[in-house]
Amino acid sequence: MVSVLPDWQLQAAPRALTQAVLSKAAPVGLDGWTIYHALVEPYEILSERPPVKAVTAGNVERIAQYVLQRMGVQLGDFG
């Protein structure tokens, strides 16, 4: 099986976003594909941009919260 790394994973802010989302979503049982789609699909709140394109070093936590909310992860589901 060949693994392909999305090019945005090589950039600091999208990588930090992915790590923030994974650290909170994986423990509640969300699978990798669900997380991937939540990171790459457009969000109205982000001017129809996907989180991986809208994220910057200064907004990682805010964007992570949007992604987690879209996947149904409640703030009380993690610390």
C-alpha atoms as a PDB file:
ATOM      1  CA  MET A   1       0.000   0.000   0.000  1.00  0.00           C
ATOM      2  CA  VAL A   2       1.336   3.391  -0.993  1.00  0.00           C
ATOM      3  CA  SER A   3       0.739   6.336   1.320  1.00  0.00           C
ATOM      4  CA  VAL A   4       0.367   9.732  -0.235  1.00  0.00           C
ATOM      5  CA  LEU A   5       0.917  12.823   1.866  1.00  0.00           C
ATOM      6  CA  PRO A   6      -1.183  15.846   0.879  1.00  0.00           C
ATOM      7  CA  ASP A   7       1.077  18.766  -0.078  1.00  0.00           C
ATOM      8  CA  TRP A   8      -0.580  21.000   2.541  1.00  0.00           C
ATOM      9  CA  GLN A   9       0.784  18.689   5.233  1.00  0.00           C
ATOM     10  CA  LEU A  10       4.246  20.026   4.386  1.00  0.00           C
ATOM     11  CA  GLN A  11       3.234  23.548   5.428  1.00  0.00           C
ATOM     12  CA  ALA A  12       3.473  24.531   9.097  1.00  0.00           C
ATOM     13  CA  ALA A  13      -0.012  25.967   9.746  1.00  0.00           C
ATOM     14  CA  PRO A  14      -2.028  23.207   8.000  1.00  0.00           C
ATOM     15  CA  ARG A  15       0.148  20.582   9.694  1.00  0.00           C
ATOM     16  CA  ALA A  16      -0.484  22.208  13.093  1.00  0.00           C
ATOM     17  CA  LEU A  17      -4.216  22.291  12.320  1.00  0.00           C
ATOM     18  CA  THR A  18      -4.213  18.602  11.431  1.00  0.00           C
ATOM     19  CA  GLN A  19      -2.343  17.725  14.625  1.00  0.00           C
ATOM     20  CA  ALA A  20      -4.722  19.816  16.751  1.00  0.00           C
ATOM     21  CA  VAL A  21      -7.782  18.187  15.180  1.00  0.00           C
ATOM     22  CA  LEU A  22      -6.343  14.667  15.382  1.00  0.00           C
ATOM     23  CA  SER A  23      -5.412  15.054  19.031  1.00  0.00           C
ATOM     24  CA  LYS A  24      -9.023  15.822  19.892  1.00  0.00           C
ATOM     25  CA  ALA A  25     -10.991  13.849  17.279  1.00  0.00           C
ATOM     26  CA  ALA A  26      -9.181  10.506  17.237  1.00  0.00           C
ATOM     27  CA  PRO A  27      -9.780   9.764  20.953  1.00  0.00           C
ATOM     28  CA  VAL A  28     -13.552  10.077  20.442  1.00  0.00           C
ATOM     29  CA  GLY A  29     -13.452   7.509  17.638  1.00  0.00           C
ATOM     30  CA  LEU A  30     -13.545   9.564  14.450  1.00  0.00           C
ATOM     31  CA  ASP A  31     -11.855   7.834  11.533  1.00  0.00           C
ATOM     32  CA  GLY A  32      -9.150   9.327   9.359  1.00  0.00           C
ATOM     33  CA  TRP A  33     -11.342   9.822   6.282  1.00  0.00           C
ATOM     34  CA  THR A  34     -13.955  11.750   8.253  1.00  0.00           C
ATOM     35  CA  ILE A  35     -11.219  13.998   9.622  1.00  0.00           C
ATOM     36  CA  TYR A  36      -9.620  14.411   6.183  1.00  0.00           C
ATOM     37  CA  HIS A  37     -12.907  15.465   4.575  1.00  0.00           C
ATOM     38  CA  ALA A  38     -13.607  17.922   7.401  1.00  0.00           C
ATOM     39  CA  LEU A  39     -10.199  19.513   6.735  1.00  0.00           C
ATOM     40  CA  VAL A  40     -10.517  19.836   2.944  1.00  0.00           C
ATOM     41  CA  GLU A  41     -14.188  20.680   2.329  1.00  0.00           C
ATOM     42  CA  PRO A  42     -15.201  24.360   2.073  1.00  0.00           C
ATOM     43  CA  TYR A  43     -16.812  26.128   5.038  1.00  0.00           C
ATOM     44  CA  GLU A  44     -19.214  29.031   4.672  1.00  0.00           C
ATOM     45  CA  ILE A  45     -17.709  30.660   7.786  1.00  0.00           C
ATOM     46  CA  LEU A  46     -14.307  30.595   6.054  1.00  0.00           C
ATOM     47  CA  SER A  47     -15.578  32.336   2.890  1.00  0.00           C
ATOM     48  CA  GLU A  48     -16.055  28.963   1.182  1.00  0.00           C
ATOM     49  CA  ARG A  49     -12.414  28.001   1.717  1.00  0.00           C
ATOM     50  CA  PRO A  50     -11.380  24.685   3.249  1.00  0.00           C
ATOM     51  CA  PRO A  51      -9.764  24.848   6.691  1.00  0.00           C
ATOM     52  CA  VAL A  52      -6.365  23.787   5.332  1.00  0.00           C
ATOM     53  CA  LYS A  53      -6.371  26.842   3.034  1.00  0.00           C
ATOM     54  CA  ALA A  54      -7.769  29.306   5.602  1.00  0.00           C
ATOM     55  CA  VAL A  55      -5.506  28.395   8.512  1.00  0.00           C
ATOM     56  CA  THR A  56      -2.579  30.589   9.566  1.00  0.00           C
ATOM     57  CA  ALA A  57      -0.187  30.403  12.494  1.00  0.00           C
ATOM     58  CA  GLY A  58      -2.416  32.860  14.344  1.00  0.00           C
ATOM     59  CA  ASN A  59      -5.761  31.071  13.949  1.00  0.00           C
ATOM     60  CA  VAL A  60      -5.005  27.351  14.285  1.00  0.00           C
ATOM     61  CA  GLU A  61      -7.093  26.868  17.444  1.00  0.00           C
ATOM     62  CA  ARG A  62     -10.102  28.782  16.086  1.00  0.00           C
ATOM     63  CA  ILE A  63     -10.063  26.849  12.802  1.00  0.00           C
ATOM     64  CA  ALA A  64      -9.600  23.567  14.699  1.00  0.00           C
ATOM     65  CA  GLN A  65     -12.737  24.355  16.672  1.00  0.00           C
ATOM     66  CA  TYR A  66     -14.719  24.908  13.458  1.00  0.00           C
ATOM     67  CA  VAL A  67     -13.526  21.542  12.152  1.00  0.00           C
ATOM     68  CA  LEU A  68     -14.313  19.755  15.405  1.00  0.00           C
ATOM     69  CA  GLN A  69     -17.765  21.324  15.559  1.00  0.00           C
ATOM     70  CA  ARG A  70     -18.510  20.204  11.999  1.00  0.00           C
ATOM     71  CA  MET A  71     -17.615  16.638  12.989  1.00  0.00           C
ATOM     72  CA  GLY A  72     -19.842  16.846  16.047  1.00  0.00           C
ATOM     73  CA  VAL A  73     -17.067  16.866  18.629  1.00  0.00           C
ATOM     74  CA  GLN A  74     -18.262  18.875  21.614  1.00  0.00           C
ATOM     75  CA  LEU A  75     -15.844  20.907  23.715  1.00  0.00           C
ATOM     76  CA  GLY A  76     -16.721  18.671  26.687  1.00  0.00           C
ATOM     77  CA  ASP A  77     -15.578  15.596  24.727  1.00  0.00           C
ATOM     78  CA  PHE A  78     -11.943  16.526  25.348  1.00  0.00           C
ATOM     79  CA  GLY A  79      -9.913  18.578  27.788  1.00  0.00           C
END
